[in-house]
């Protein structure tokens, strides 16, 4: 595969055992999971690499993924919980407490709905809000960048944490994010030695809410469609695929698999 500007060496990737990845516009392409991308997930799994989607997606979406895809876990609603299968059962591990996070969500949703109404009602709560357990999602597709920024500013002013993806503003009350829950999953559930994290992990993303992960995981990749948002990122990916979305992910997966094979 080809990368923009520079490419990783096999030596840098040969010890990767955990691949974290965004979902929307990173694994999916125009909302679909392409056969080539799904095959890449299976190839990674068969090679012993634990794939962990890290998404702003709802609990319903996350449960489907952990049941149907070859993944080791899913982190959902921007770090509100991680979802795993243990002894055949789907288990949700919340950042704090399901009841507490649910009550915060209820109050925050009411506040967001008032805010949107006061600002003229051009934004809408995401259709999958009913399947969410901890956050509030607002559709932003079709809205001007400045309007999205203004809404995000107003949400922060009422105490909400904000993450902006390619499709949503995700907002919640709490001190977690994608990075925090990823680190907890690695060290707490997967029992990875913190000293090993830089060499055994990798991450793939495409949007602004992936910046914490780019800063956390040394072996970080962007798919090609990340280029327009690079100026807005506090932390940027180390490598960028020349291919966009799911095709870029498939190329990155092959690069990691090739590096692993070289190191054996």
C-alpha atoms as a PDB file:
ATOM      1  CA  UNK A   1       0.000   0.000   0.000  1.00  0.00           C
ATOM      2  CA  UNK A   2       1.033   3.639  -0.210  1.00  0.00           C
ATOM      3  CA  UNK A   3       1.069   6.308   2.505  1.00  0.00           C
ATOM      4  CA  UNK A   4       1.093  10.076   2.263  1.00  0.00           C
ATOM      5  CA  UNK A   5       4.562  11.533   3.008  1.00  0.00           C
ATOM      6  CA  UNK A   6       6.035   8.529   4.829  1.00  0.00           C
ATOM      7  CA  UNK A   7       5.375   4.886   5.610  1.00  0.00           C
ATOM      8  CA  UNK A   8       5.877   2.806   8.756  1.00  0.00           C
ATOM      9  CA  UNK A   9       8.694   0.302   8.933  1.00  0.00           C
ATOM     10  CA  UNK A  10       8.053  -3.357   9.657  1.00  0.00           C
ATOM     11  CA  UNK A  11      10.119  -3.042  12.811  1.00  0.00           C
ATOM     12  CA  UNK A  12       7.785  -0.389  14.214  1.00  0.00           C
ATOM     13  CA  UNK A  13       4.675  -2.558  13.786  1.00  0.00           C
ATOM     14  CA  UNK A  14       5.875  -6.126  14.245  1.00  0.00           C
ATOM     15  CA  UNK A  15       4.774  -6.366  17.896  1.00  0.00           C
ATOM     16  CA  UNK A  16       1.245  -4.957  17.454  1.00  0.00           C
ATOM     17  CA  UNK A  17      -1.331  -7.157  19.212  1.00  0.00           C
ATOM     18  CA  UNK A  18      -4.187  -4.682  19.736  1.00  0.00           C
ATOM     19  CA  UNK A  19      -5.656  -2.601  16.919  1.00  0.00           C
ATOM     20  CA  UNK A  20      -8.114   0.094  17.985  1.00  0.00           C
ATOM     21  CA  UNK A  21     -10.188   1.699  15.249  1.00  0.00           C
ATOM     22  CA  UNK A  22     -12.899   4.281  14.728  1.00  0.00           C
ATOM     23  CA  UNK A  23     -15.998   3.016  12.885  1.00  0.00           C
ATOM     24  CA  UNK A  24     -17.864   5.695  10.888  1.00  0.00           C
ATOM     25  CA  UNK A  25     -15.902   6.679   7.759  1.00  0.00           C
ATOM     26  CA  UNK A  26     -12.912   4.641   8.987  1.00  0.00           C
ATOM     27  CA  UNK A  27     -14.225   1.087   8.839  1.00  0.00           C
ATOM     28  CA  UNK A  28     -17.354   2.050   6.920  1.00  0.00           C
ATOM     29  CA  UNK A  29     -17.427   3.579   3.454  1.00  0.00           C
ATOM     30  CA  UNK A  30     -20.488   5.711   2.714  1.00  0.00           C
ATOM     31  CA  UNK A  31     -22.145   3.986   5.662  1.00  0.00           C
ATOM     32  CA  UNK A  32     -21.394   0.445   4.462  1.00  0.00           C
ATOM     33  CA  UNK A  33     -18.875  -2.167   5.587  1.00  0.00           C
ATOM     34  CA  UNK A  34     -17.189  -3.216   2.350  1.00  0.00           C
ATOM     35  CA  UNK A  35     -16.280  -6.901   1.788  1.00  0.00           C
ATOM     36  CA  UNK A  36     -12.594  -5.970   1.606  1.00  0.00           C
ATOM     37  CA  UNK A  37     -12.798  -4.242   4.982  1.00  0.00           C
ATOM     38  CA  UNK A  38     -14.688  -7.083   6.648  1.00  0.00           C
ATOM     39  CA  UNK A  39     -12.173  -9.569   5.258  1.00  0.00           C
ATOM     40  CA  UNK A  40      -9.394  -7.458   6.786  1.00  0.00           C
ATOM     41  CA  UNK A  41     -11.058  -7.717  10.210  1.00  0.00           C
ATOM     42  CA  UNK A  42     -11.107 -11.510   9.923  1.00  0.00           C
ATOM     43  CA  UNK A  43      -7.492 -11.627   8.738  1.00  0.00           C
ATOM     44  CA  UNK A  44      -6.418  -9.572  11.739  1.00  0.00           C
ATOM     45  CA  UNK A  45      -8.387 -11.785  14.112  1.00  0.00           C
ATOM     46  CA  UNK A  46      -6.963 -14.991  12.649  1.00  0.00           C
ATOM     47  CA  UNK A  47      -3.458 -13.544  13.045  1.00  0.00           C
ATOM     48  CA  UNK A  48      -4.054 -13.052  16.763  1.00  0.00           C
ATOM     49  CA  UNK A  49      -4.526  -9.284  16.653  1.00  0.00           C
ATOM     50  CA  UNK A  50      -7.361  -8.127  18.909  1.00  0.00           C
ATOM     51  CA  UNK A  51      -9.452  -5.523  17.074  1.00  0.00           C
ATOM     52  CA  UNK A  52     -11.335  -2.999  19.216  1.00  0.00           C
ATOM     53  CA  UNK A  53     -13.729  -0.557  17.504  1.00  0.00           C
ATOM     54  CA  UNK A  54     -13.823   2.741  19.424  1.00  0.00           C
ATOM     55  CA  UNK A  55     -16.911   4.673  18.438  1.00  0.00           C
ATOM     56  CA  UNK A  56     -19.401   7.343  19.336  1.00  0.00           C
ATOM     57  CA  UNK A  57     -22.035   4.831  18.264  1.00  0.00           C
ATOM     58  CA  UNK A  58     -24.938   3.751  20.434  1.00  0.00           C
ATOM     59  CA  UNK A  59     -25.210   0.753  22.756  1.00  0.00           C
ATOM     60  CA  UNK A  60     -27.426  -1.056  20.255  1.00  0.00           C
ATOM     61  CA  UNK A  61     -24.801  -0.671  17.547  1.00  0.00           C
ATOM     62  CA  UNK A  62     -22.026  -1.774  19.910  1.00  0.00           C
ATOM     63  CA  UNK A  63     -23.850  -4.925  20.988  1.00  0.00           C
ATOM     64  CA  UNK A  64     -24.364  -5.902  17.355  1.00  0.00           C
ATOM     65  CA  UNK A  65     -20.664  -5.384  16.603  1.00  0.00           C
ATOM     66  CA  UNK A  66     -19.395  -7.455  19.522  1.00  0.00           C
ATOM     67  CA  UNK A  67     -21.827 -10.259  18.655  1.00  0.00           C
ATOM     68  CA  UNK A  68     -21.375 -10.326  14.869  1.00  0.00           C
ATOM     69  CA  UNK A  69     -17.887  -9.046  14.025  1.00  0.00           C
ATOM     70  CA  UNK A  70     -14.516 -10.685  14.742  1.00  0.00           C
ATOM     71  CA  UNK A  71     -13.587  -8.183  17.467  1.00  0.00           C
ATOM     72  CA  UNK A  72     -12.282  -8.542  21.012  1.00  0.00           C
ATOM     73  CA  UNK A  73     -14.297  -5.656  22.473  1.00  0.00           C
ATOM     74  CA  UNK A  74     -16.093  -2.437  21.528  1.00  0.00           C
ATOM     75  CA  UNK A  75     -15.820   0.950  23.219  1.00  0.00           C
ATOM     76  CA  UNK A  76     -19.060   2.855  22.774  1.00  0.00           C
ATOM     77  CA  UNK A  77     -20.539   6.320  23.140  1.00  0.00           C
ATOM     78  CA  UNK A  78     -17.098   7.936  23.115  1.00  0.00           C
ATOM     79  CA  UNK A  79     -15.806   5.979  26.105  1.00  0.00           C
ATOM     80  CA  UNK A  80     -18.928   5.685  28.262  1.00  0.00           C
ATOM     81  CA  UNK A  81     -18.461   1.896  28.446  1.00  0.00           C
ATOM     82  CA  UNK A  82     -16.684  -1.037  26.879  1.00  0.00           C
ATOM     83  CA  UNK A  83     -18.528  -4.111  25.672  1.00  0.00           C
ATOM     84  CA  UNK A  84     -17.081  -7.619  25.691  1.00  0.00           C
ATOM     85  CA  UNK A  85     -18.274 -11.208  25.477  1.00  0.00           C
ATOM     86  CA  UNK A  86     -17.452 -13.369  28.477  1.00  0.00           C
ATOM     87  CA  UNK A  87     -18.543 -16.982  28.686  1.00  0.00           C
ATOM     88  CA  UNK A  88     -20.917 -16.278  25.800  1.00  0.00           C
ATOM     89  CA  UNK A  89     -22.586 -13.310  27.518  1.00  0.00           C
ATOM     90  CA  UNK A  90     -22.424  -9.686  26.372  1.00  0.00           C
ATOM     91  CA  UNK A  91     -21.074  -7.554  29.240  1.00  0.00           C
ATOM     92  CA  UNK A  92     -21.142  -3.741  29.511  1.00  0.00           C
ATOM     93  CA  UNK A  93     -18.492  -2.189  31.768  1.00  0.00           C
ATOM     94  CA  UNK A  94     -19.436   1.437  32.397  1.00  0.00           C
ATOM     95  CA  UNK A  95     -16.926   4.191  33.125  1.00  0.00           C
ATOM     96  CA  UNK A  96     -18.627   4.901  36.456  1.00  0.00           C
ATOM     97  CA  UNK A  97     -22.077   3.451  37.029  1.00  0.00           C
ATOM     98  CA  UNK A  98     -24.855   2.678  34.587  1.00  0.00           C
ATOM     99  CA  UNK A  99     -27.610   4.276  36.684  1.00  0.00           C
ATOM    100  CA  UNK A 100     -25.567   7.403  37.381  1.00  0.00           C
ATOM    101  CA  UNK A 101     -24.510   7.844  33.769  1.00  0.00           C
ATOM    102  CA  UNK A 102     -28.078   7.207  32.625  1.00  0.00           C
ATOM    103  CA  UNK A 103     -29.493   9.883  34.922  1.00  0.00           C
ATOM    104  CA  UNK A 104     -26.863  12.369  33.755  1.00  0.00           C
ATOM    105  CA  UNK A 105     -27.805  11.540  30.165  1.00  0.00           C
ATOM    106  CA  UNK A 106     -31.511  12.155  30.838  1.00  0.00           C
ATOM    107  CA  UNK A 107     -30.837  15.587  32.295  1.00  0.00           C
ATOM    108  CA  UNK A 108     -28.318  16.482  29.600  1.00  0.00           C
ATOM    109  CA  UNK A 109     -30.689  15.465  26.806  1.00  0.00           C
ATOM    110  CA  UNK A 110     -33.349  17.783  28.211  1.00  0.00           C
ATOM    111  CA  UNK A 111     -30.818  20.620  28.353  1.00  0.00           C
ATOM    112  CA  UNK A 112     -29.624  19.971  24.784  1.00  0.00           C
ATOM    113  CA  UNK A 113     -33.175  19.890  23.436  1.00  0.00           C
ATOM    114  CA  UNK A 114     -33.864  23.269  25.092  1.00  0.00           C
ATOM    115  CA  UNK A 115     -30.624  24.669  23.702  1.00  0.00           C
ATOM    116  CA  UNK A 116     -31.379  23.532  20.155  1.00  0.00           C
ATOM    117  CA  UNK A 117     -34.896  24.956  20.380  1.00  0.00           C
ATOM    118  CA  UNK A 118     -33.609  28.299  21.665  1.00  0.00           C
ATOM    119  CA  UNK A 119     -31.120  28.495  18.764  1.00  0.00           C
ATOM    120  CA  UNK A 120     -33.774  28.033  16.100  1.00  0.00           C
ATOM    121  CA  UNK A 121     -34.043  24.268  15.888  1.00  0.00           C
ATOM    122  CA  UNK A 122     -31.888  23.676  12.790  1.00  0.00           C
ATOM    123  CA  UNK A 123     -30.080  20.749  14.456  1.00  0.00           C
ATOM    124  CA  UNK A 124     -31.768  17.486  15.376  1.00  0.00           C
ATOM    125  CA  UNK A 125     -31.103  14.782  17.936  1.00  0.00           C
ATOM    126  CA  UNK A 126     -29.763  11.664  16.178  1.00  0.00           C
ATOM    127  CA  UNK A 127     -32.346   9.039  15.271  1.00  0.00           C
ATOM    128  CA  UNK A 128     -30.519   6.391  17.318  1.00  0.00           C
ATOM    129  CA  UNK A 129     -30.731   8.376  20.569  1.00  0.00           C
ATOM    130  CA  UNK A 130     -33.247   5.865  21.916  1.00  0.00           C
ATOM    131  CA  UNK A 131     -30.508   3.198  21.816  1.00  0.00           C
ATOM    132  CA  UNK A 132     -27.984   5.294  23.771  1.00  0.00           C
ATOM    133  CA  UNK A 133     -27.234   4.715  27.448  1.00  0.00           C
ATOM    134  CA  UNK A 134     -24.942   7.601  28.416  1.00  0.00           C
ATOM    135  CA  UNK A 135     -24.511  10.345  25.809  1.00  0.00           C
ATOM    136  CA  UNK A 136     -26.481  12.612  23.506  1.00  0.00           C
ATOM    137  CA  UNK A 137     -25.858  12.591  19.746  1.00  0.00           C
ATOM    138  CA  UNK A 138     -26.744  15.439  17.404  1.00  0.00           C
ATOM    139  CA  UNK A 139     -26.739  15.080  13.619  1.00  0.00           C
ATOM    140  CA  UNK A 140     -24.381  17.563  11.945  1.00  0.00           C
ATOM    141  CA  UNK A 141     -24.313  16.406   8.318  1.00  0.00           C
ATOM    142  CA  UNK A 142     -25.375  19.208   6.008  1.00  0.00           C
ATOM    143  CA  UNK A 143     -24.565  21.930   8.536  1.00  0.00           C
ATOM    144  CA  UNK A 144     -21.904  24.584   8.073  1.00  0.00           C
ATOM    145  CA  UNK A 145     -18.695  24.097  10.045  1.00  0.00           C
ATOM    146  CA  UNK A 146     -19.142  27.381  11.907  1.00  0.00           C
ATOM    147  CA  UNK A 147     -22.686  26.441  12.941  1.00  0.00           C
ATOM    148  CA  UNK A 148     -21.364  23.163  14.336  1.00  0.00           C
ATOM    149  CA  UNK A 149     -18.635  25.025  16.209  1.00  0.00           C
ATOM    150  CA  UNK A 150     -21.139  27.493  17.633  1.00  0.00           C
ATOM    151  CA  UNK A 151     -23.380  24.695  18.895  1.00  0.00           C
ATOM    152  CA  UNK A 152     -20.408  22.870  20.403  1.00  0.00           C
ATOM    153  CA  UNK A 153     -19.382  26.076  22.205  1.00  0.00           C
ATOM    154  CA  UNK A 154     -22.884  26.500  23.615  1.00  0.00           C
ATOM    155  CA  UNK A 155     -22.958  22.888  24.820  1.00  0.00           C
ATOM    156  CA  UNK A 156     -19.632  23.315  26.587  1.00  0.00           C
ATOM    157  CA  UNK A 157     -20.983  26.483  28.221  1.00  0.00           C
ATOM    158  CA  UNK A 158     -23.679  24.423  29.978  1.00  0.00           C
ATOM    159  CA  UNK A 159     -21.140  21.889  31.245  1.00  0.00           C
ATOM    160  CA  UNK A 160     -21.167  19.243  28.520  1.00  0.00           C
ATOM    161  CA  UNK A 161     -18.121  17.438  27.202  1.00  0.00           C
ATOM    162  CA  UNK A 162     -18.105  17.544  23.396  1.00  0.00           C
ATOM    163  CA  UNK A 163     -16.586  15.328  20.704  1.00  0.00           C
ATOM    164  CA  UNK A 164     -17.174  16.062  17.020  1.00  0.00           C
ATOM    165  CA  UNK A 165     -17.086  13.213  14.516  1.00  0.00           C
ATOM    166  CA  UNK A 166     -17.766  13.148  10.788  1.00  0.00           C
ATOM    167  CA  UNK A 167     -21.508  12.666  11.449  1.00  0.00           C
ATOM    168  CA  UNK A 168     -22.346  13.770  14.999  1.00  0.00           C
ATOM    169  CA  UNK A 169     -21.700  16.034  17.890  1.00  0.00           C
ATOM    170  CA  UNK A 170     -21.501  13.587  20.777  1.00  0.00           C
ATOM    171  CA  UNK A 171     -21.891  15.156  24.204  1.00  0.00           C
ATOM    172  CA  UNK A 172     -22.037  13.863  27.771  1.00  0.00           C
ATOM    173  CA  UNK A 173     -21.470  14.707  31.398  1.00  0.00           C
ATOM    174  CA  UNK A 174     -18.360  12.954  32.702  1.00  0.00           C
ATOM    175  CA  UNK A 175     -14.558  12.908  32.683  1.00  0.00           C
ATOM    176  CA  UNK A 176     -14.061  10.083  30.179  1.00  0.00           C
ATOM    177  CA  UNK A 177     -13.281   9.937  26.468  1.00  0.00           C
ATOM    178  CA  UNK A 178     -12.105   7.388  23.909  1.00  0.00           C
ATOM    179  CA  UNK A 179      -8.558   7.460  25.214  1.00  0.00           C
ATOM    180  CA  UNK A 180      -9.457   7.024  28.892  1.00  0.00           C
ATOM    181  CA  UNK A 181     -11.628   3.966  28.303  1.00  0.00           C
ATOM    182  CA  UNK A 182      -9.127   2.462  25.860  1.00  0.00           C
ATOM    183  CA  UNK A 183      -6.389   2.689  28.474  1.00  0.00           C
ATOM    184  CA  UNK A 184      -8.663   1.144  31.115  1.00  0.00           C
ATOM    185  CA  UNK A 185      -9.581  -1.709  28.769  1.00  0.00           C
ATOM    186  CA  UNK A 186      -5.944  -2.417  27.926  1.00  0.00           C
ATOM    187  CA  UNK A 187      -4.567  -2.386  31.453  1.00  0.00           C
ATOM    188  CA  UNK A 188      -7.638  -3.469  33.413  1.00  0.00           C
ATOM    189  CA  UNK A 189      -9.360  -6.119  31.282  1.00  0.00           C
ATOM    190  CA  UNK A 190      -6.681  -7.199  28.796  1.00  0.00           C
ATOM    191  CA  UNK A 191      -3.990  -6.948  31.531  1.00  0.00           C
ATOM    192  CA  UNK A 192      -1.381  -5.343  29.272  1.00  0.00           C
ATOM    193  CA  UNK A 193       1.732  -4.059  31.009  1.00  0.00           C
ATOM    194  CA  UNK A 194       1.655  -0.233  30.673  1.00  0.00           C
ATOM    195  CA  UNK A 195       5.324  -0.318  29.638  1.00  0.00           C
ATOM    196  CA  UNK A 196       4.366  -2.427  26.599  1.00  0.00           C
ATOM    197  CA  UNK A 197       1.548  -0.190  25.356  1.00  0.00           C
ATOM    198  CA  UNK A 198       3.570   1.826  22.802  1.00  0.00           C
ATOM    199  CA  UNK A 199       4.784  -1.254  20.943  1.00  0.00           C
ATOM    200  CA  UNK A 200       1.721  -3.552  21.125  1.00  0.00           C
ATOM    201  CA  UNK A 201      -1.028  -1.087  20.154  1.00  0.00           C
ATOM    202  CA  UNK A 202      -2.111   0.699  16.990  1.00  0.00           C
ATOM    203  CA  UNK A 203      -5.036   2.971  16.126  1.00  0.00           C
ATOM    204  CA  UNK A 204      -6.873   4.013  12.954  1.00  0.00           C
ATOM    205  CA  UNK A 205      -9.179   7.040  12.756  1.00  0.00           C
ATOM    206  CA  UNK A 206     -10.565   9.755  10.528  1.00  0.00           C
ATOM    207  CA  UNK A 207     -12.021  12.662  12.480  1.00  0.00           C
ATOM    208  CA  UNK A 208     -11.740  15.246  15.214  1.00  0.00           C
ATOM    209  CA  UNK A 209     -12.986  13.032  18.026  1.00  0.00           C
ATOM    210  CA  UNK A 210     -10.081  10.655  17.304  1.00  0.00           C
ATOM    211  CA  UNK A 211      -7.458  13.222  18.341  1.00  0.00           C
ATOM    212  CA  UNK A 212      -7.122  11.859  21.918  1.00  0.00           C
ATOM    213  CA  UNK A 213      -6.355   8.418  20.478  1.00  0.00           C
ATOM    214  CA  UNK A 214      -3.767   9.820  18.064  1.00  0.00           C
ATOM    215  CA  UNK A 215      -2.064  11.374  21.065  1.00  0.00           C
ATOM    216  CA  UNK A 216      -2.275   8.208  23.161  1.00  0.00           C
ATOM    217  CA  UNK A 217      -1.218   5.482  20.724  1.00  0.00           C
ATOM    218  CA  UNK A 218       2.187   5.860  19.084  1.00  0.00           C
ATOM    219  CA  UNK A 219       1.387   3.636  16.089  1.00  0.00           C
ATOM    220  CA  UNK A 220      -1.454   5.836  14.871  1.00  0.00           C
ATOM    221  CA  UNK A 221      -2.920   5.913  11.368  1.00  0.00           C
ATOM    222  CA  UNK A 222      -5.388   8.127   9.549  1.00  0.00           C
ATOM    223  CA  UNK A 223      -7.376   6.978   6.555  1.00  0.00           C
ATOM    224  CA  UNK A 224      -7.163   9.262   3.523  1.00  0.00           C
ATOM    225  CA  UNK A 225     -10.358  11.197   4.227  1.00  0.00           C
ATOM    226  CA  UNK A 226      -8.813  12.672   7.378  1.00  0.00           C
ATOM    227  CA  UNK A 227      -6.862  15.268   5.386  1.00  0.00           C
ATOM    228  CA  UNK A 228      -9.489  18.071   5.520  1.00  0.00           C
ATOM    229  CA  UNK A 229      -9.713  17.923   9.323  1.00  0.00           C
ATOM    230  CA  UNK A 230      -5.981  17.776  10.122  1.00  0.00           C
ATOM    231  CA  UNK A 231      -5.823  21.533  10.893  1.00  0.00           C
ATOM    232  CA  UNK A 232      -8.465  21.017  13.602  1.00  0.00           C
ATOM    233  CA  UNK A 233      -6.647  18.210  15.446  1.00  0.00           C
ATOM    234  CA  UNK A 234      -4.638  18.731  18.611  1.00  0.00           C
ATOM    235  CA  UNK A 235      -2.924  15.395  17.923  1.00  0.00           C
ATOM    236  CA  UNK A 236      -2.473  14.050  14.380  1.00  0.00           C
ATOM    237  CA  UNK A 237      -1.865  10.521  13.109  1.00  0.00           C
ATOM    238  CA  UNK A 238       1.703   9.436  12.561  1.00  0.00           C
ATOM    239  CA  UNK A 239       0.889   7.896   9.167  1.00  0.00           C
ATOM    240  CA  UNK A 240      -1.911   8.544   6.675  1.00  0.00           C
ATOM    241  CA  UNK A 241      -3.141   6.054   4.099  1.00  0.00           C
ATOM    242  CA  UNK A 242      -3.532   7.173   0.525  1.00  0.00           C
ATOM    243  CA  UNK A 243      -6.880   5.356   0.431  1.00  0.00           C
ATOM    244  CA  UNK A 244     -10.015   6.654   2.192  1.00  0.00           C
ATOM    245  CA  UNK A 245     -12.332   5.039   4.741  1.00  0.00           C
ATOM    246  CA  UNK A 246     -12.718   1.249   4.646  1.00  0.00           C
ATOM    247  CA  UNK A 247     -10.270   0.807   1.794  1.00  0.00           C
ATOM    248  CA  UNK A 248      -7.663   2.718   3.762  1.00  0.00           C
ATOM    249  CA  UNK A 249      -8.330   0.555   6.812  1.00  0.00           C
ATOM    250  CA  UNK A 250      -7.878  -2.603   4.742  1.00  0.00           C
ATOM    251  CA  UNK A 251      -4.530  -1.325   3.445  1.00  0.00           C
ATOM    252  CA  UNK A 252      -3.401  -0.437   6.966  1.00  0.00           C
ATOM    253  CA  UNK A 253      -4.427  -3.888   8.193  1.00  0.00           C
ATOM    254  CA  UNK A 254      -2.316  -5.511   5.479  1.00  0.00           C
ATOM    255  CA  UNK A 255       0.647  -3.325   6.453  1.00  0.00           C
ATOM    256  CA  UNK A 256       0.388  -4.457  10.071  1.00  0.00           C
ATOM    257  CA  UNK A 257      -0.051  -8.095   9.091  1.00  0.00           C
ATOM    258  CA  UNK A 258       2.979  -7.917   6.805  1.00  0.00           C
ATOM    259  CA  UNK A 259       5.053  -6.396   9.604  1.00  0.00           C
ATOM    260  CA  UNK A 260       3.987  -9.176  11.973  1.00  0.00           C
ATOM    261  CA  UNK A 261       4.947 -11.815   9.440  1.00  0.00           C
ATOM    262  CA  UNK A 262       8.347 -10.175   8.964  1.00  0.00           C
ATOM    263  CA  UNK A 263       9.006 -10.266  12.688  1.00  0.00           C
ATOM    264  CA  UNK A 264       8.363 -13.993  13.078  1.00  0.00           C
END
